Amino acid sequence: MKNLIPSAYSYLDSRFKLTELAQFAKKKKVPEHKHSFWYYFGGICLFLFVIQVLTGIMLLLYYSPSIDSAHESIEYIMSQVKFGWLIRSVHSWTANILIGAIFIHMFSSFFLKAYRPPRELTWITGFFLLLIFLFFGFSGYLLPWNELSFFATRVGTDIAGTIPLIGKPIKTFILGGPEVSGATIARFFWLHVAVLPLFTVLLLGAHVLLVQILGMSKPVGLPESQVKEVPFFPNFILKDSLGWMIILALIGVLCVFFPWEVGQKADPFAATPMGIKPEWYFTFMFTTLKIIPSHILFIEGEILAIFGFMIGGLFWMLVPLIDRNAAKEKRSPVFSFIGLIVLLYIIVMTALIYLLPGL
């Protein structure tokens, strides 16, 4: 028994180079300064994603992706499966917190100019990861097949269908037909548990690898005297893990006091209830589409807004190539101002839908 652990370690070390990895971790340094707090959100996002994977696998054991049994399987998980209510609540709350953490991570990276060369690809892979997790949220929202998710999905896909030329084919492809149906829930299920996870693993692997190779960026304009380097292990990883434990405690409190609801089963033939809205991370777009005039000059308001979101997203993805001041290690107040406007716009438009329910 005494020789078992050393022998096992020696076996694994010869194949996975554990000693070399440990030496790399000890030598790896992380910049520490007054803005270092924002670094930890990257690790929090990764931690929350792991929770999503583990709880998602457990939910798969009981979930049935069909219109006849999807809602019933969720009810069974919540009421009959031991700790099923907790697993589903953890999965749902974690999904929302994860998207919130990704937004925080993205905006903090933007304002700290972490996208500047040679980290352009780190920013671009992070941008696509945000899009993927928004698709995760959209596809997973329908799976309980309750009234709220059904009609919110119908509203969301109707908006996508307004895109000129390609809107209707995209809507038909997403739904598996002209309307939300059994084909839709099957497509969303496989998108949620197979297609999106595959792309996530590939992009997340590339993103983490780029961070490890290039390291964490130092804010533009911060004097070297205010920056020191600390070991990644154990200094940084211990603080990172403390953040994970705080987030885990928060999720636990939310799940105990606010367990995720099952809702009423969707009735495709019922009228759309008043006050239907998407999840909070889509509401800034939803609010924009509700308040924009029906026509601006000769263009439909909805179409103009959708094109605006598409152009804005393209600009946001390509900002490392556009912001030449950051590339020269100079402050770029114009881009900082643009980022502030975008952040305020998202916050205000999100808040309006909750402060003015009749909007």
Protein backbone atom coordinates (compact mmCIF):
# COMPACT_ATOMS: atom_id res chain seq x y z
CA MET A 1 0.00 0.00 0.00
CA LYS A 2 2.87 2.36 0.80
CA ASN A 3 4.32 1.87 -2.67
CA LEU A 4 0.94 2.11 -4.46
CA ILE A 5 0.66 5.91 -4.52
CA PRO A 6 4.28 6.57 -5.64
CA SER A 7 3.92 3.87 -8.30
CA ALA A 8 0.64 5.31 -9.55
CA TYR A 9 2.11 8.81 -9.65
CA SER A 10 5.18 7.54 -11.50
CA TYR A 11 2.96 5.77 -14.04
CA LEU A 12 0.83 8.86 -14.66
CA ASP A 13 3.85 11.17 -14.63
CA SER A 14 5.55 9.20 -17.39
CA ARG A 15 2.49 9.58 -19.60
CA PHE A 16 1.07 13.00 -18.70
CA LYS A 17 4.30 14.79 -17.67
CA LEU A 18 2.79 15.82 -14.32
CA THR A 19 6.14 16.98 -12.92
CA GLU A 20 6.71 19.27 -15.89
CA LEU A 21 3.18 20.67 -15.56
CA ALA A 22 3.76 21.35 -11.86
CA GLN A 23 7.05 23.11 -12.62
CA PHE A 24 5.32 25.18 -15.32
CA ALA A 25 2.59 26.18 -12.83
CA LYS A 26 5.21 27.25 -10.28
CA LYS A 27 7.11 29.33 -12.83
CA LYS A 28 4.00 30.92 -14.38
CA LYS A 29 3.48 34.48 -13.18
CA VAL A 30 0.34 36.60 -13.15
CA PRO A 31 0.35 40.43 -13.07
CA GLU A 32 -1.15 41.90 -9.91
CA HIS A 33 -2.36 45.50 -9.74
CA LYS A 34 -5.37 47.57 -8.68
CA HIS A 35 -7.49 46.10 -11.51
CA SER A 36 -6.55 42.45 -10.89
CA PHE A 37 -10.01 41.74 -9.45
CA TRP A 38 -11.43 41.50 -12.98
CA TYR A 39 -9.08 38.66 -13.91
CA TYR A 40 -10.99 36.24 -11.69
CA PHE A 41 -14.17 36.37 -13.78
CA GLY A 42 -12.51 34.24 -16.46
CA GLY A 43 -11.98 31.45 -13.92
CA ILE A 44 -15.51 31.92 -12.57
CA CYS A 45 -16.92 31.44 -16.08
CA LEU A 46 -14.94 28.22 -16.48
CA PHE A 47 -16.08 26.97 -13.05
CA LEU A 48 -19.73 27.69 -13.84
CA PHE A 49 -19.42 25.91 -17.19
CA VAL A 50 -18.16 22.78 -15.41
CA ILE A 51 -21.19 22.93 -13.10
CA GLN A 52 -23.43 23.24 -16.16
CA VAL A 53 -21.90 20.14 -17.72
CA LEU A 54 -22.20 18.03 -14.55
CA THR A 55 -25.77 19.04 -13.71
CA GLY A 56 -26.79 18.76 -17.38
CA ILE A 57 -25.55 15.17 -17.52
CA MET A 58 -27.56 14.32 -14.40
CA LEU A 59 -30.71 15.91 -15.85
CA LEU A 60 -30.26 13.89 -19.04
CA LEU A 61 -30.87 10.70 -17.06
CA TYR A 62 -34.53 11.64 -16.60
CA TYR A 63 -35.40 14.21 -19.27
CA SER A 64 -37.48 13.17 -22.30
CA PRO A 65 -37.33 15.53 -25.34
CA SER A 66 -40.86 15.32 -26.77
CA ILE A 67 -43.95 17.49 -26.50
CA ASP A 68 -45.84 14.62 -24.86
CA SER A 69 -43.33 13.98 -22.09
CA ALA A 70 -40.91 16.95 -21.76
CA HIS A 71 -42.96 18.87 -19.21
CA GLU A 72 -43.93 15.70 -17.33
CA SER A 73 -40.28 14.64 -17.09
CA ILE A 74 -39.38 18.01 -15.59
CA GLU A 75 -42.21 17.64 -13.06
CA TYR A 76 -40.92 14.16 -12.24
CA ILE A 77 -37.37 15.49 -11.72
CA MET A 78 -38.62 18.28 -9.46
CA SER A 79 -41.00 16.17 -7.36
CA GLN A 80 -39.91 12.51 -7.46
CA VAL A 81 -36.17 12.30 -8.11
CA LYS A 82 -34.12 12.61 -4.93
CA PHE A 83 -32.55 16.10 -4.96
CA GLY A 84 -33.85 16.52 -8.50
CA TRP A 85 -35.25 19.94 -7.62
CA LEU A 86 -31.81 20.99 -6.45
CA ILE A 87 -29.99 19.72 -9.55
CA ARG A 88 -32.40 21.48 -11.90
CA SER A 89 -32.32 24.68 -9.87
CA VAL A 90 -28.51 24.64 -9.82
CA HIS A 91 -28.47 24.09 -13.60
CA SER A 92 -30.91 26.93 -14.29
CA TRP A 93 -29.45 29.47 -11.86
CA THR A 94 -25.91 28.65 -12.94
CA ALA A 95 -26.85 29.22 -16.59
CA ASN A 96 -28.06 32.73 -15.80
CA ILE A 97 -25.11 33.59 -13.57
CA LEU A 98 -22.72 32.20 -16.18
CA ILE A 99 -24.03 34.51 -18.90
CA GLY A 100 -23.88 37.43 -16.47
CA ALA A 101 -20.27 36.54 -15.62
CA ILE A 102 -19.38 36.32 -19.33
CA PHE A 103 -20.80 39.82 -19.90
CA ILE A 104 -18.76 41.14 -16.95
CA HIS A 105 -15.64 39.36 -18.21
CA MET A 106 -16.16 40.76 -21.71
CA PHE A 107 -16.70 44.38 -20.65
CA SER A 108 -13.83 44.32 -18.13
CA SER A 109 -11.53 42.98 -20.87
CA PHE A 110 -12.80 45.71 -23.20
CA PHE A 111 -12.18 48.58 -20.79
CA LEU A 112 -8.76 47.20 -19.78
CA LYS A 113 -7.91 46.92 -23.52
CA ALA A 114 -7.06 43.23 -23.10
CA TYR A 115 -7.94 42.73 -26.78
CA ARG A 116 -4.86 44.56 -28.08
CA PRO A 117 -2.14 42.66 -29.99
CA PRO A 118 -1.09 39.91 -29.67
CA ARG A 119 -4.39 38.93 -27.98
CA GLU A 120 -6.80 39.59 -30.86
CA LEU A 121 -7.70 35.91 -31.20
CA THR A 122 -8.27 35.64 -27.45
CA TRP A 123 -10.90 38.38 -27.76
CA ILE A 124 -12.49 36.89 -30.90
CA THR A 125 -12.76 33.38 -29.42
CA GLY A 126 -14.27 34.94 -26.29
CA PHE A 127 -16.81 36.80 -28.45
CA PHE A 128 -17.89 33.57 -30.14
CA LEU A 129 -18.11 31.85 -26.76
CA LEU A 130 -20.57 34.56 -25.66
CA LEU A 131 -22.69 33.89 -28.77
CA ILE A 132 -22.60 30.15 -28.11
CA PHE A 133 -23.74 30.56 -24.51
CA LEU A 134 -26.56 32.85 -25.65
CA PHE A 135 -27.61 30.03 -27.99
CA PHE A 136 -27.31 27.64 -25.03
CA GLY A 137 -29.73 29.85 -23.12
CA PHE A 138 -32.14 30.15 -26.03
CA SER A 139 -32.19 26.41 -26.83
CA GLY A 140 -32.40 25.33 -23.19
CA TYR A 141 -35.23 27.74 -22.45
CA LEU A 142 -37.69 25.73 -24.57
CA LEU A 143 -36.84 22.28 -23.18
CA PRO A 144 -39.20 22.38 -20.13
CA TRP A 145 -42.04 22.95 -22.64
CA ASN A 146 -43.92 25.30 -20.36
CA GLU A 147 -46.14 28.20 -21.32
CA LEU A 148 -43.52 30.91 -20.82
CA SER A 149 -40.75 29.14 -22.74
CA PHE A 150 -43.03 28.12 -25.61
CA PHE A 151 -44.36 31.59 -26.35
CA ALA A 152 -41.01 33.29 -25.73
CA THR A 153 -39.46 30.93 -28.30
CA ARG A 154 -42.25 31.72 -30.75
CA VAL A 155 -41.68 35.46 -30.31
CA GLY A 156 -37.90 35.08 -30.67
CA THR A 157 -38.09 33.01 -33.84
CA ASP A 158 -40.72 35.35 -35.32
CA ILE A 159 -38.21 38.17 -34.90
CA ALA A 160 -35.51 36.12 -36.66
CA GLY A 161 -38.00 35.49 -39.46
CA THR A 162 -38.24 39.21 -40.25
CA ILE A 163 -34.67 39.35 -41.60
CA PRO A 164 -34.94 40.10 -45.33
CA LEU A 165 -34.27 37.24 -47.79
CA ILE A 166 -32.80 34.77 -45.29
CA GLY A 167 -35.19 35.25 -42.35
CA LYS A 168 -37.90 32.76 -43.30
CA PRO A 169 -35.48 29.93 -44.29
CA ILE A 170 -33.58 30.45 -41.04
CA LYS A 171 -36.80 30.37 -39.02
CA THR A 172 -37.97 27.18 -40.77
CA PHE A 173 -34.59 25.52 -40.23
CA ILE A 174 -34.50 26.46 -36.53
CA LEU A 175 -38.07 25.31 -35.86
CA GLY A 176 -38.05 22.27 -38.13
CA GLY A 177 -41.20 23.66 -39.75
CA PRO A 178 -43.35 26.80 -39.86
CA GLU A 179 -44.26 26.72 -36.13
CA VAL A 180 -42.86 25.66 -32.77
CA SER A 181 -43.60 21.92 -32.57
CA GLY A 182 -42.25 18.53 -31.61
CA ALA A 183 -39.60 18.89 -34.31
CA THR A 184 -38.48 22.13 -32.65
CA ILE A 185 -37.98 20.60 -29.21
CA ALA A 186 -36.03 17.71 -30.75
CA ARG A 187 -33.76 20.12 -32.64
CA PHE A 188 -33.26 22.35 -29.64
CA PHE A 189 -32.46 19.34 -27.47
CA TRP A 190 -29.69 18.03 -29.74
CA LEU A 191 -28.41 21.53 -30.28
CA HIS A 192 -28.27 22.00 -26.50
CA VAL A 193 -26.66 18.68 -25.55
CA ALA A 194 -24.49 17.83 -28.58
CA VAL A 195 -23.80 20.53 -31.18
CA LEU A 196 -23.21 23.53 -28.90
CA PRO A 197 -21.12 21.56 -26.35
CA LEU A 198 -18.85 20.38 -29.19
CA PHE A 199 -18.21 23.92 -30.43
CA THR A 200 -17.85 25.12 -26.83
CA VAL A 201 -15.12 22.59 -26.03
CA LEU A 202 -13.20 23.52 -29.19
CA LEU A 203 -13.48 27.28 -28.68
CA LEU A 204 -12.96 27.14 -24.93
CA GLY A 205 -9.86 25.00 -25.41
CA ALA A 206 -8.46 27.52 -27.90
CA HIS A 207 -9.37 30.45 -25.62
CA VAL A 208 -7.74 28.93 -22.51
CA LEU A 209 -4.68 27.87 -24.52
CA LEU A 210 -4.24 31.42 -25.84
CA VAL A 211 -4.50 32.81 -22.30
CA GLN A 212 -1.86 30.35 -21.10
CA ILE A 213 0.50 31.08 -23.98
CA LEU A 214 0.13 34.87 -24.05
CA GLY A 215 -0.58 35.42 -20.35
CA MET A 216 -2.87 38.07 -18.90
CA SER A 217 -2.56 41.58 -20.26
CA LYS A 218 -1.65 44.59 -18.20
CA PRO A 219 -3.93 47.65 -18.47
CA VAL A 220 -2.82 50.33 -20.91
CA GLY A 221 -1.24 53.35 -19.20
CA LEU A 222 -0.66 51.67 -15.84
CA PRO A 223 2.87 52.49 -14.59
CA GLU A 224 5.19 49.50 -14.17
CA SER A 225 5.79 50.56 -10.56
CA GLN A 226 2.13 49.73 -9.81
CA VAL A 227 2.35 46.25 -11.30
CA LYS A 228 3.95 43.24 -9.67
CA GLU A 229 3.97 39.60 -10.63
CA VAL A 230 2.78 36.81 -8.36
CA PRO A 231 2.99 33.03 -8.91
CA PHE A 232 -0.04 31.48 -10.60
CA PHE A 233 0.23 28.59 -8.14
CA PRO A 234 -0.58 28.87 -5.31
CA ASN A 235 -1.20 32.64 -5.02
CA PHE A 236 -3.55 33.29 -7.95
CA ILE A 237 -5.29 29.91 -7.98
CA LEU A 238 -6.14 30.17 -4.26
CA LYS A 239 -7.85 33.54 -4.78
CA ASP A 240 -9.55 32.16 -7.87
CA SER A 241 -10.88 29.17 -5.94
CA LEU A 242 -12.15 31.50 -3.20
CA GLY A 243 -14.26 33.23 -5.86
CA TRP A 244 -15.59 29.83 -6.95
CA MET A 245 -16.65 29.01 -3.40
CA ILE A 246 -18.42 32.37 -3.03
CA ILE A 247 -20.30 31.81 -6.29
CA LEU A 248 -21.18 28.26 -5.23
CA ALA A 249 -22.56 29.57 -1.93
CA LEU A 250 -24.63 32.16 -3.82
CA ILE A 251 -26.05 29.46 -6.09
CA GLY A 252 -26.92 27.35 -3.05
CA VAL A 253 -28.80 30.22 -1.40
CA LEU A 254 -30.72 30.98 -4.61
CA CYS A 255 -31.67 27.34 -5.11
CA VAL A 256 -32.91 26.88 -1.55
CA PHE A 257 -34.95 30.08 -1.32
CA PHE A 258 -35.88 30.47 -5.01
CA PRO A 259 -36.07 26.98 -6.58
CA TRP A 260 -36.62 27.11 -10.33
CA GLU A 261 -40.29 26.84 -11.23
CA VAL A 262 -41.78 24.23 -13.55
CA GLY A 263 -44.59 26.40 -14.89
CA GLN A 264 -47.74 25.33 -16.72
CA LYS A 265 -47.46 22.99 -19.68
CA ALA A 266 -47.48 24.78 -23.04
CA ASP A 267 -50.66 24.77 -25.09
CA PRO A 268 -49.75 25.55 -28.74
CA PHE A 269 -53.36 26.46 -29.51
CA ALA A 270 -53.71 29.02 -26.70
CA ALA A 271 -53.41 32.76 -27.30
CA THR A 272 -50.09 34.37 -26.45
CA PRO A 273 -50.32 35.56 -22.81
CA MET A 274 -49.73 39.20 -21.98
CA GLY A 275 -46.31 40.18 -20.69
CA ILE A 276 -44.34 37.39 -22.38
CA LYS A 277 -40.66 38.31 -22.57
CA PRO A 278 -37.39 36.45 -23.14
CA GLU A 279 -34.72 35.74 -20.57
CA TRP A 280 -33.00 38.83 -19.15
CA TYR A 281 -29.94 38.57 -21.41
CA PHE A 282 -32.11 39.04 -24.51
CA THR A 283 -34.36 41.75 -23.11
CA PHE A 284 -32.27 44.71 -24.30
CA MET A 285 -32.89 43.58 -27.88
CA PHE A 286 -36.54 42.75 -27.14
CA THR A 287 -37.13 46.20 -25.62
CA THR A 288 -35.50 47.89 -28.60
CA LEU A 289 -37.80 46.05 -31.00
CA LYS A 290 -40.85 47.05 -28.94
CA ILE A 291 -40.09 50.78 -28.72
CA ILE A 292 -38.65 51.37 -32.19
CA PRO A 293 -41.11 53.02 -34.60
CA SER A 294 -42.81 50.71 -37.11
CA HIS A 295 -41.14 52.61 -39.96
CA ILE A 296 -38.10 54.88 -40.13
CA LEU A 297 -38.24 56.65 -43.48
CA PHE A 298 -39.03 53.78 -45.87
CA ILE A 299 -37.44 50.98 -43.79
CA GLU A 300 -39.32 48.77 -41.32
CA GLY A 301 -38.21 49.51 -37.77
CA GLU A 302 -37.70 45.86 -36.80
CA ILE A 303 -35.51 45.19 -39.83
CA LEU A 304 -33.44 48.30 -39.14
CA ALA A 305 -32.97 47.28 -35.49
CA ILE A 306 -31.90 43.72 -36.42
CA PHE A 307 -29.37 45.06 -38.93
CA GLY A 308 -28.15 47.46 -36.25
CA PHE A 309 -27.54 44.57 -33.85
CA MET A 310 -25.73 42.61 -36.55
CA ILE A 311 -23.46 45.53 -37.48
CA GLY A 312 -22.86 46.30 -33.80
CA GLY A 313 -21.90 42.69 -33.13
CA LEU A 314 -19.50 42.68 -36.09
CA PHE A 315 -17.90 45.91 -34.85
CA TRP A 316 -17.58 44.48 -31.33
CA MET A 317 -15.89 41.32 -32.63
CA LEU A 318 -13.43 43.27 -34.80
CA VAL A 319 -12.59 45.98 -32.27
CA PRO A 320 -8.99 44.65 -31.81
CA LEU A 321 -8.38 45.36 -35.50
CA ILE A 322 -10.10 48.78 -35.43
CA ASP A 323 -8.66 50.29 -32.24
CA ARG A 324 -5.21 51.33 -33.44
CA ASN A 325 -4.37 53.31 -30.28
CA ALA A 326 -4.62 50.22 -28.09
CA ALA A 327 -2.36 48.39 -30.55
CA LYS A 328 0.23 51.14 -29.94
CA GLU A 329 -0.15 50.79 -26.16
CA LYS A 330 -1.94 54.16 -26.00
CA ARG A 331 -5.19 55.09 -24.32
CA SER A 332 -8.20 55.06 -26.63
CA PRO A 333 -10.87 57.29 -25.02
CA VAL A 334 -13.16 57.09 -28.07
CA PHE A 335 -13.45 53.30 -27.78
CA SER A 336 -13.81 53.51 -24.00
CA PHE A 337 -16.69 55.95 -24.52
CA ILE A 338 -18.29 53.60 -27.09
CA GLY A 339 -17.98 50.70 -24.64
CA LEU A 340 -19.59 52.81 -21.89
CA ILE A 341 -22.50 53.73 -24.18
CA VAL A 342 -23.03 50.07 -25.13
CA LEU A 343 -22.95 49.00 -21.47
CA LEU A 344 -25.43 51.72 -20.41
CA TYR A 345 -27.68 50.88 -23.35
CA ILE A 346 -27.84 47.20 -22.35
CA ILE A 347 -28.50 48.06 -18.69
CA VAL A 348 -31.19 50.67 -19.42
CA MET A 349 -33.01 48.58 -22.04
CA THR A 350 -32.92 45.54 -19.75
CA ALA A 351 -34.24 47.53 -16.79
CA LEU A 352 -37.08 49.14 -18.78
CA ILE A 353 -38.84 45.84 -19.50
CA TYR A 354 -38.99 45.09 -15.75
CA LEU A 355 -39.72 48.61 -14.52
CA LEU A 356 -42.43 49.16 -17.15
CA PRO A 357 -44.22 45.79 -17.45
CA GLY A 358 -46.80 47.24 -19.85
CA LEU A 359 -44.14 48.28 -22.35
